[in-house]
Amino acid sequence: MNLCRVCGNNNVTEILDLGATPLANSFLKPEQLNDPEPRFPLVVGFCCRCGLVQLDHAVPPEILFRNYIYVSSTSQTMPAHFAAYSDEIVARFARSSQDLVLEIGSNDGCLLQAFKRHNVRALGIEPAANIAGIANAAGLATMNDFFCERSAQTIRDSEGTAKVIIGNNVLAHIGNLRDFMAGIDVLLRPDGVAVFEVPYLVDLLRKSEFDTIYHEHLSYFAIGPLQKLFQSRGMRICDVQRLPVHGGSIRVYVSREGTGPDELPSVEELLWVEKSEKLDLLETYEAFASRVEATKQKTRALLSELKASGARIAGYGAPAKGNTLLNYMQIGRDWIDFIADQSPHKQGMYTPGSHIPVVSPERLLEDEPDYVLLLAWNLKDEILEQQSEYLNRGGKFIVPIPEPIVIAGNAGAGKAANVLQ
């Protein structure tokens, strides 16, 4: 394993090997299907010194993010989440129209749009040129660059320091955390607050959410390692919230030592949770790896049994996590006929590695497959509501995480049964 990204420890222990896989968002055009497809190791390790769970192999960010296909605004869930998010940030911290709110990794500007209705001076920085272009075309000021000490200084020179710096599902993408934190230090006002949302390691382990592991996500955070990261730049966690989004996340509020809000009890409460979950023990991660393998075997057995009986199976949702699952479980077009997804950026493309065609959701009612593998399981409630007609016609969804269950429409949406116990 490489050196730990937080503490520099050179003794990071391998805990899970998901194989050599394509990049999770590297969808293919039809003419690319016969081209060589790059694959990279997807190996997870645990630092026994600081507790950070992290990938061994880092794909250069220029390859990962310069031409990106994920857009925040596609689902109904994320715009609603960001609307409430902006309300809270404005109420607690950005009370003046002159306060600068910077979002790192601002994607298509979904959160920036939410701040716009508050008359807040908001700026995004987004490395994917195609996605930054979408935001700027919508009138949402977005700088096309990676966030680091250099770009932070550029922003400071033109816009001044920021009262609030936000990073949603971006901290886990950073390979050079020291340079990233140096940028935060350059740009954050003395009384400012940095707010980061990250998938929570506790939820990942409890629910066996192994499919949230892919090359973009270099780190899998808990409060303990985050404290060490922020302390390295004279900062501290003053508050933390648990959120249901993305299968279980935390929103962490960070201020400079000696300034900003007082530390709230929520920080110690989650540290206690992490201790009770034994996140500091290697055995915890060995047990997780065993559960992941069991989920793979159960899911493959279910799909194999269904296909043998003559069932037609499709997929729903083409998120990055779905491609980790498909490639690790070696599920391809021999089992899945197509994958329906609402994103026009993915329709007409093929999934990396598994080469399953991505189509519009209307295809479900046109073809009426017997079963649909729900790859975007984190949006289960939203998708089941959208596809109520498919369920009413007798269609069934398979939810694969934490272990496969079947939701049978003819028994009523939400009627789920465990399979292959």
Protein backbone atom coordinates (compact mmCIF):
# COMPACT_ATOMS: atom_id res chain seq x y z
CA MET A 1 0.00 0.00 0.00
CA ASN A 2 1.01 3.65 -0.42
CA LEU A 3 1.56 6.12 2.42
CA CYS A 4 -1.54 7.08 4.40
CA ARG A 5 -3.09 10.26 2.98
CA VAL A 6 -3.72 11.77 6.42
CA CYS A 7 -0.82 10.76 8.68
CA GLY A 8 1.85 9.51 6.27
CA ASN A 9 1.99 6.04 7.85
CA ASN A 10 3.77 3.58 5.55
CA ASN A 11 2.05 0.53 7.05
CA VAL A 12 -1.46 0.59 5.53
CA THR A 13 -3.04 -2.88 5.58
CA GLU A 14 -5.06 -4.23 2.65
CA ILE A 15 -8.64 -5.11 3.68
CA LEU A 16 -10.61 -5.54 0.44
CA ASP A 17 -9.70 -6.20 -3.20
CA LEU A 18 -12.51 -5.48 -5.67
CA GLY A 19 -10.32 -6.35 -8.66
CA ALA A 20 -9.03 -4.33 -11.60
CA THR A 21 -12.01 -2.33 -12.86
CA PRO A 22 -12.69 0.45 -15.38
CA LEU A 23 -13.32 3.94 -14.08
CA ALA A 24 -16.87 4.01 -12.74
CA ASN A 25 -17.96 7.03 -14.79
CA SER A 26 -16.15 6.10 -18.02
CA PHE A 27 -19.28 5.25 -20.01
CA LEU A 28 -18.67 4.16 -23.58
CA LYS A 29 -20.08 5.32 -26.90
CA PRO A 30 -21.17 2.54 -29.28
CA GLU A 31 -18.10 3.01 -31.46
CA GLN A 32 -15.82 2.50 -28.42
CA LEU A 33 -17.10 -0.94 -27.44
CA ASN A 34 -14.30 -2.79 -29.24
CA ASP A 35 -11.51 -0.47 -28.07
CA PRO A 36 -9.11 -1.47 -25.27
CA GLU A 37 -10.65 -0.42 -21.96
CA PRO A 38 -8.23 0.78 -19.24
CA ARG A 39 -8.65 -0.92 -15.87
CA PHE A 40 -7.12 0.10 -12.57
CA PRO A 41 -6.69 -1.75 -9.25
CA LEU A 42 -9.52 -1.15 -6.77
CA VAL A 43 -7.88 -2.16 -3.50
CA VAL A 44 -8.89 -0.76 -0.09
CA GLY A 45 -6.58 -0.41 2.90
CA PHE A 46 -6.79 0.57 6.58
CA CYS A 47 -4.30 2.78 8.42
CA CYS A 48 -3.83 1.38 11.91
CA ARG A 49 -2.30 4.68 13.07
CA CYS A 50 -5.00 7.25 12.23
CA GLY A 51 -7.89 4.99 11.19
CA LEU A 52 -8.29 6.25 7.61
CA VAL A 53 -9.79 3.78 5.15
CA GLN A 54 -8.40 4.53 1.69
CA LEU A 55 -7.63 3.26 -1.80
CA ASP A 56 -4.18 1.98 -2.58
CA HIS A 57 -4.09 3.16 -6.19
CA ALA A 58 -4.78 6.80 -7.14
CA VAL A 59 -5.81 7.48 -10.74
CA PRO A 60 -4.62 10.97 -11.82
CA PRO A 61 -7.43 13.50 -11.31
CA GLU A 62 -6.94 14.85 -14.84
CA ILE A 63 -8.15 11.46 -16.11
CA LEU A 64 -11.03 11.20 -13.62
CA PHE A 65 -12.57 14.64 -13.71
CA ARG A 66 -11.72 16.62 -16.83
CA ASN A 67 -14.70 15.22 -18.77
CA TYR A 68 -17.31 14.13 -16.25
CA ILE A 69 -20.75 12.61 -16.72
CA TYR A 70 -22.41 12.85 -13.26
CA VAL A 71 -24.86 15.76 -12.93
CA SER A 72 -26.37 16.62 -9.52
CA SER A 73 -29.66 17.95 -10.83
CA THR A 74 -30.83 14.73 -12.49
CA SER A 75 -32.61 13.30 -9.43
CA GLN A 76 -35.36 14.95 -7.40
CA THR A 77 -33.61 14.05 -4.15
CA MET A 78 -30.46 16.15 -4.55
CA PRO A 79 -32.08 19.52 -5.46
CA ALA A 80 -34.36 19.19 -2.42
CA HIS A 81 -31.37 18.27 -0.26
CA PHE A 82 -29.40 21.28 -1.49
CA ALA A 83 -32.32 23.67 -1.02
CA ALA A 84 -32.53 22.76 2.68
CA TYR A 85 -28.72 22.85 2.88
CA SER A 86 -28.52 26.43 1.59
CA ASP A 87 -31.28 27.53 3.99
CA GLU A 88 -29.26 26.26 6.94
CA ILE A 89 -25.94 27.76 5.81
CA VAL A 90 -27.47 31.18 5.26
CA ALA A 91 -29.32 31.11 8.59
CA ARG A 92 -26.24 30.06 10.58
CA PHE A 93 -23.27 31.66 8.84
CA ALA A 94 -23.73 33.72 5.63
CA ARG A 95 -25.97 36.50 6.90
CA SER A 96 -24.63 39.33 4.75
CA SER A 97 -25.06 39.61 1.00
CA GLN A 98 -21.35 40.50 0.88
CA ASP A 99 -20.26 37.20 2.45
CA LEU A 100 -18.60 34.93 -0.10
CA VAL A 101 -19.74 31.30 -0.21
CA LEU A 102 -17.43 29.08 -2.23
CA GLU A 103 -18.42 25.57 -3.30
CA ILE A 104 -15.60 23.20 -4.23
CA GLY A 105 -16.58 20.63 -6.85
CA SER A 106 -19.78 22.55 -7.60
CA ASN A 107 -20.82 20.28 -10.50
CA ASP A 108 -23.68 21.78 -12.56
CA GLY A 109 -24.43 24.42 -9.90
CA CYS A 110 -27.33 22.71 -8.17
CA LEU A 111 -26.32 24.11 -4.76
CA LEU A 112 -25.20 27.44 -6.23
CA GLN A 113 -28.69 27.82 -7.66
CA ALA A 114 -30.13 27.27 -4.18
CA PHE A 115 -27.91 30.04 -2.78
CA LYS A 116 -28.87 32.37 -5.60
CA ARG A 117 -32.42 32.69 -4.25
CA HIS A 118 -30.93 33.92 -0.95
CA ASN A 119 -29.07 36.77 -2.67
CA VAL A 120 -25.77 35.33 -1.44
CA ARG A 121 -22.48 35.97 -3.28
CA ALA A 122 -21.74 32.39 -4.36
CA LEU A 123 -18.92 31.03 -6.50
CA GLY A 124 -18.21 27.48 -7.64
CA ILE A 125 -14.96 25.80 -8.63
CA GLU A 126 -15.38 22.71 -10.79
CA PRO A 127 -12.60 20.72 -12.57
CA ALA A 128 -14.80 19.11 -15.25
CA ALA A 129 -14.88 21.53 -18.16
CA ASN A 130 -18.12 20.14 -19.61
CA ILE A 131 -19.96 20.36 -16.28
CA ALA A 132 -18.58 23.82 -15.42
CA GLY A 133 -19.83 24.95 -18.82
CA ILE A 134 -23.36 23.84 -17.95
CA ALA A 135 -23.26 25.90 -14.73
CA ASN A 136 -21.86 29.02 -16.38
CA ALA A 137 -24.44 28.79 -19.18
CA ALA A 138 -27.12 28.83 -16.47
CA GLY A 139 -25.68 32.05 -15.02
CA LEU A 140 -23.97 30.37 -12.04
CA ALA A 141 -20.45 31.74 -11.63
CA THR A 142 -18.09 28.75 -11.83
CA MET A 143 -14.31 28.62 -12.15
CA ASN A 144 -13.04 25.65 -14.19
CA ASP A 145 -10.10 24.39 -12.14
CA PHE A 146 -9.02 21.99 -9.43
CA PHE A 147 -9.12 23.36 -5.89
CA CYS A 148 -5.65 23.62 -4.33
CA GLU A 149 -3.40 26.21 -2.72
CA ARG A 150 -2.67 27.80 -6.13
CA SER A 151 -6.31 28.18 -7.22
CA ALA A 152 -7.32 29.31 -3.72
CA GLN A 153 -4.83 32.17 -3.95
CA THR A 154 -6.27 33.13 -7.35
CA ILE A 155 -9.77 33.28 -5.87
CA ARG A 156 -8.57 35.24 -2.87
CA ASP A 157 -6.86 37.80 -5.11
CA SER A 158 -10.02 38.37 -7.16
CA GLU A 159 -12.86 37.76 -4.69
CA GLY A 160 -11.37 38.08 -1.20
CA THR A 161 -11.62 35.50 1.55
CA ALA A 162 -14.66 33.26 2.02
CA LYS A 163 -17.04 33.24 4.98
CA VAL A 164 -18.16 29.72 4.06
CA ILE A 165 -16.34 27.07 2.03
CA ILE A 166 -18.40 24.03 1.07
CA GLY A 167 -17.31 20.67 -0.28
CA ASN A 168 -20.03 18.11 -0.99
CA ASN A 169 -18.75 14.61 -1.69
CA VAL A 170 -15.47 16.14 -2.79
CA LEU A 171 -13.09 15.57 0.13
CA ALA A 172 -13.04 11.85 -0.57
CA HIS A 173 -11.82 12.61 -4.13
CA ILE A 174 -8.66 14.42 -3.04
CA GLY A 175 -5.33 12.64 -3.39
CA ASN A 176 -3.15 15.44 -2.02
CA LEU A 177 -5.03 16.36 1.14
CA ARG A 178 -2.18 18.57 2.38
CA ASP A 179 -2.40 20.82 -0.70
CA PHE A 180 -6.19 20.87 -0.42
CA MET A 181 -6.07 21.92 3.23
CA ALA A 182 -3.45 24.57 2.41
CA GLY A 183 -6.00 26.01 -0.03
CA ILE A 184 -8.66 26.07 2.68
CA ASP A 185 -6.20 27.85 4.98
CA VAL A 186 -5.46 30.49 2.32
CA LEU A 187 -9.09 31.23 1.53
CA LEU A 188 -11.08 30.82 4.77
CA ARG A 189 -11.79 33.99 6.74
CA PRO A 190 -10.56 34.03 10.36
CA ASP A 191 -14.18 33.72 11.50
CA GLY A 192 -15.19 31.51 8.58
CA VAL A 193 -16.53 27.96 8.49
CA ALA A 194 -15.72 25.12 6.11
CA VAL A 195 -18.47 22.55 5.65
CA PHE A 196 -17.88 19.12 4.15
CA GLU A 197 -20.33 16.35 3.36
CA VAL A 198 -18.81 12.89 3.02
CA PRO A 199 -20.24 9.37 2.99
CA TYR A 200 -19.92 8.05 6.54
CA LEU A 201 -17.71 5.03 7.12
CA VAL A 202 -20.02 3.76 9.87
CA ASP A 203 -22.91 3.50 7.40
CA LEU A 204 -20.72 1.98 4.71
CA LEU A 205 -19.68 -0.81 7.08
CA ARG A 206 -23.07 -1.37 8.73
CA LYS A 207 -24.90 -1.64 5.40
CA SER A 208 -22.09 -3.32 3.43
CA GLU A 209 -22.14 -0.44 0.93
CA PHE A 210 -19.06 -1.71 -0.90
CA ASP A 211 -20.36 -0.32 -4.21
CA THR A 212 -19.69 3.23 -2.99
CA ILE A 213 -16.02 2.28 -3.35
CA TYR A 214 -14.63 3.37 -6.72
CA HIS A 215 -11.57 5.16 -8.05
CA GLU A 216 -12.93 8.67 -7.55
CA HIS A 217 -13.37 7.97 -3.82
CA LEU A 218 -9.82 7.77 -2.49
CA SER A 219 -10.78 8.07 1.20
CA TYR A 220 -13.67 6.76 3.36
CA PHE A 221 -14.02 9.01 6.36
CA ALA A 222 -14.97 8.84 9.99
CA ILE A 223 -14.69 11.67 12.53
CA GLY A 224 -11.44 10.37 14.05
CA PRO A 225 -9.26 10.66 10.90
CA LEU A 226 -10.99 13.92 9.92
CA GLN A 227 -10.02 15.47 13.27
CA LYS A 228 -6.37 14.64 12.58
CA LEU A 229 -6.59 16.09 9.07
CA PHE A 230 -8.03 19.43 10.20
CA GLN A 231 -5.75 19.70 13.22
CA SER A 232 -2.79 19.62 10.84
CA ARG A 233 -3.82 23.15 9.69
CA GLY A 234 -4.83 24.52 13.09
CA MET A 235 -8.53 23.80 12.61
CA ARG A 236 -11.15 21.82 14.52
CA ILE A 237 -14.52 20.17 14.01
CA CYS A 238 -17.15 22.23 15.82
CA ASP A 239 -20.30 20.40 14.74
CA VAL A 240 -21.36 17.31 12.79
CA GLN A 241 -24.71 16.04 11.50
CA ARG A 242 -25.70 12.61 10.22
CA LEU A 243 -27.67 12.60 6.96
CA PRO A 244 -29.48 9.86 5.01
CA VAL A 245 -28.22 11.06 1.61
CA HIS A 246 -26.02 8.70 -0.45
CA GLY A 247 -26.74 5.78 1.83
CA GLY A 248 -25.58 7.60 4.97
CA SER A 249 -23.37 10.70 5.16
CA ILE A 250 -22.04 13.22 7.65
CA ARG A 251 -21.90 16.99 7.34
CA VAL A 252 -18.86 18.29 9.19
CA TYR A 253 -18.43 21.94 10.23
CA VAL A 254 -14.84 23.14 10.62
CA SER A 255 -13.47 26.40 12.03
CA ARG A 256 -10.06 27.73 13.01
CA GLU A 257 -8.79 26.95 16.49
CA GLY A 258 -9.84 29.67 18.92
CA THR A 259 -12.47 31.19 16.60
CA GLY A 260 -15.87 30.33 15.21
CA PRO A 261 -18.68 28.41 16.93
CA ASP A 262 -18.16 26.41 20.10
CA GLU A 263 -17.76 22.67 19.74
CA LEU A 264 -21.14 20.99 20.06
CA PRO A 265 -21.80 17.64 21.79
CA SER A 266 -22.47 16.04 18.39
CA VAL A 267 -18.72 15.64 17.81
CA GLU A 268 -18.08 13.57 20.94
CA GLU A 269 -21.29 11.62 20.36
CA LEU A 270 -20.10 10.38 16.98
CA LEU A 271 -16.63 9.62 18.31
CA TRP A 272 -18.34 7.39 20.84
CA VAL A 273 -20.33 5.70 18.05
CA GLU A 274 -17.10 5.05 16.17
CA LYS A 275 -15.48 3.54 19.24
CA SER A 276 -18.49 1.30 19.84
CA GLU A 277 -18.37 0.20 16.18
CA LYS A 278 -14.69 -0.73 16.69
CA LEU A 279 -13.47 1.31 13.75
CA ASP A 280 -9.97 1.15 15.19
CA LEU A 281 -9.70 -2.65 14.85
CA LEU A 282 -8.57 -4.52 11.76
CA GLU A 283 -11.02 -7.32 12.57
CA THR A 284 -13.94 -4.96 11.82
CA TYR A 285 -12.78 -4.61 8.23
CA GLU A 286 -12.05 -8.29 7.79
CA ALA A 287 -15.66 -9.01 8.79
CA PHE A 288 -16.85 -6.37 6.31
CA ALA A 289 -14.89 -8.02 3.49
CA SER A 290 -16.53 -11.35 4.31
CA ARG A 291 -20.01 -9.78 4.13
CA VAL A 292 -19.19 -8.22 0.78
CA GLU A 293 -18.20 -11.59 -0.66
CA ALA A 294 -21.42 -13.14 0.72
CA THR A 295 -23.52 -10.41 -0.93
CA LYS A 296 -21.78 -11.11 -4.24
CA GLN A 297 -22.52 -14.82 -4.06
CA LYS A 298 -26.18 -14.29 -3.05
CA THR A 299 -26.80 -11.76 -5.81
CA ARG A 300 -25.19 -13.89 -8.50
CA ALA A 301 -27.11 -16.95 -7.33
CA LEU A 302 -30.41 -15.04 -7.49
CA LEU A 303 -29.80 -13.65 -10.97
CA SER A 304 -28.60 -17.02 -12.24
CA GLU A 305 -31.72 -18.73 -10.88
CA LEU A 306 -34.01 -16.10 -12.42
CA LYS A 307 -32.38 -16.32 -15.84
CA ALA A 308 -32.53 -20.13 -15.74
CA SER A 309 -36.28 -19.85 -15.16
CA GLY A 310 -36.65 -17.66 -18.25
CA ALA A 311 -37.02 -14.29 -16.50
CA ARG A 312 -36.05 -11.11 -18.30
CA ILE A 313 -33.96 -8.73 -16.14
CA ALA A 314 -33.13 -5.05 -16.61
CA GLY A 315 -31.37 -2.53 -14.39
CA TYR A 316 -32.40 0.87 -13.07
CA GLY A 317 -29.97 3.70 -12.44
CA ALA A 318 -26.49 4.00 -13.91
CA PRO A 319 -24.58 5.64 -11.03
CA ALA A 320 -20.88 5.11 -10.47
CA LYS A 321 -21.68 2.76 -7.58
CA GLY A 322 -23.62 0.54 -9.97
CA ASN A 323 -20.55 0.01 -12.10
CA THR A 324 -18.50 -1.08 -9.08
CA LEU A 325 -21.20 -3.64 -8.30
CA LEU A 326 -21.55 -4.89 -11.88
CA ASN A 327 -17.82 -5.31 -12.41
CA TYR A 328 -17.05 -6.85 -9.02
CA MET A 329 -19.95 -9.28 -9.32
CA GLN A 330 -19.17 -9.95 -13.01
CA ILE A 331 -22.69 -9.11 -14.13
CA GLY A 332 -23.05 -8.27 -17.81
CA ARG A 333 -25.40 -8.48 -20.79
CA ASP A 334 -25.84 -12.20 -20.34
CA TRP A 335 -28.03 -11.34 -17.32
CA ILE A 336 -29.03 -7.66 -17.72
CA ASP A 337 -30.68 -6.59 -20.99
CA PHE A 338 -30.46 -2.83 -20.45
CA ILE A 339 -30.25 -0.18 -17.72
CA ALA A 340 -32.78 2.65 -17.51
CA ASP A 341 -31.53 6.03 -16.29
CA GLN A 342 -33.00 9.54 -16.28
CA SER A 343 -29.75 11.28 -17.24
CA PRO A 344 -29.70 12.25 -20.94
CA HIS A 345 -25.90 12.35 -20.63
CA LYS A 346 -25.85 8.56 -20.08
CA GLN A 347 -28.65 7.44 -22.39
CA GLY A 348 -27.25 5.90 -25.57
CA MET A 349 -24.02 5.02 -23.78
CA TYR A 350 -22.76 1.67 -22.44
CA THR A 351 -21.62 0.89 -18.91
CA PRO A 352 -17.86 0.54 -18.39
CA GLY A 353 -16.64 -3.02 -18.23
CA SER A 354 -20.05 -4.69 -18.39
CA HIS A 355 -21.09 -2.96 -21.65
CA ILE A 356 -24.82 -2.83 -20.83
CA PRO A 357 -26.78 -0.24 -22.88
CA VAL A 358 -28.25 2.72 -20.97
CA VAL A 359 -31.72 3.79 -22.09
CA SER A 360 -34.51 6.13 -20.95
CA PRO A 361 -36.86 5.01 -18.15
CA GLU A 362 -39.77 4.75 -20.61
CA ARG A 363 -38.22 1.49 -21.81
CA LEU A 364 -39.41 -0.28 -18.63
CA LEU A 365 -43.07 0.06 -19.55
CA GLU A 366 -42.37 -0.68 -23.22
CA ASP A 367 -40.51 -3.94 -22.53
CA GLU A 368 -41.93 -4.85 -19.10
CA PRO A 369 -39.00 -6.96 -17.88
CA ASP A 370 -39.85 -9.37 -15.09
CA TYR A 371 -37.22 -7.98 -12.70
CA VAL A 372 -35.22 -4.78 -12.40
CA LEU A 373 -31.91 -4.68 -10.53
CA LEU A 374 -31.93 -1.37 -8.63
CA LEU A 375 -28.37 -0.08 -8.94
CA ALA A 376 -29.27 3.41 -7.63
CA TRP A 377 -30.54 1.89 -4.38
CA ASN A 378 -29.81 5.10 -2.45
CA LEU A 379 -32.74 6.67 -4.37
CA LYS A 380 -35.02 3.67 -3.81
CA ASP A 381 -38.07 5.55 -2.51
CA GLU A 382 -37.93 8.14 -5.29
CA ILE A 383 -37.50 5.50 -8.01
CA LEU A 384 -40.24 3.20 -6.70
CA GLU A 385 -42.65 6.12 -6.69
CA GLN A 386 -41.65 7.11 -10.22
CA GLN A 387 -42.03 3.53 -11.44
CA SER A 388 -45.31 2.75 -9.66
CA GLU A 389 -46.95 1.84 -12.98
CA TYR A 390 -44.28 -0.79 -13.66
CA LEU A 391 -44.84 -2.19 -10.16
CA ASN A 392 -48.61 -2.15 -10.59
CA ARG A 393 -48.23 -4.22 -13.75
CA GLY A 394 -46.51 -6.93 -11.71
CA GLY A 395 -42.91 -5.86 -12.14
CA LYS A 396 -40.37 -6.55 -9.41
CA PHE A 397 -37.30 -4.68 -8.21
CA ILE A 398 -34.21 -6.36 -6.80
CA VAL A 399 -32.42 -4.20 -4.20
CA PRO A 400 -28.87 -5.63 -3.90
CA ILE A 401 -27.50 -3.75 -0.87
CA PRO A 402 -26.85 -4.78 1.91
CA GLU A 403 -28.08 -8.14 0.59
CA PRO A 404 -30.52 -8.90 -2.23
CA ILE A 405 -34.22 -8.49 -1.55
CA VAL A 406 -37.10 -8.53 -4.03
CA ILE A 407 -39.78 -5.84 -3.96
CA ALA A 408 -42.87 -7.28 -5.61
CA GLY A 409 -45.23 -4.82 -7.25
CA ASN A 410 -48.25 -7.10 -7.38
CA ALA A 411 -48.04 -7.43 -3.62
CA GLY A 412 -47.89 -3.65 -3.25
CA ALA A 413 -44.94 -1.32 -3.61
CA GLY A 414 -42.68 -1.66 -0.62
CA LYS A 415 -43.57 -5.32 -0.05
CA ALA A 416 -40.10 -6.77 0.25
CA ALA A 417 -38.90 -10.28 0.91
CA ASN A 418 -35.43 -11.56 1.70
CA VAL A 419 -34.18 -14.12 -0.78
CA LEU A 420 -31.59 -16.86 -0.67
CA GLN A 421 -31.09 -16.84 3.06
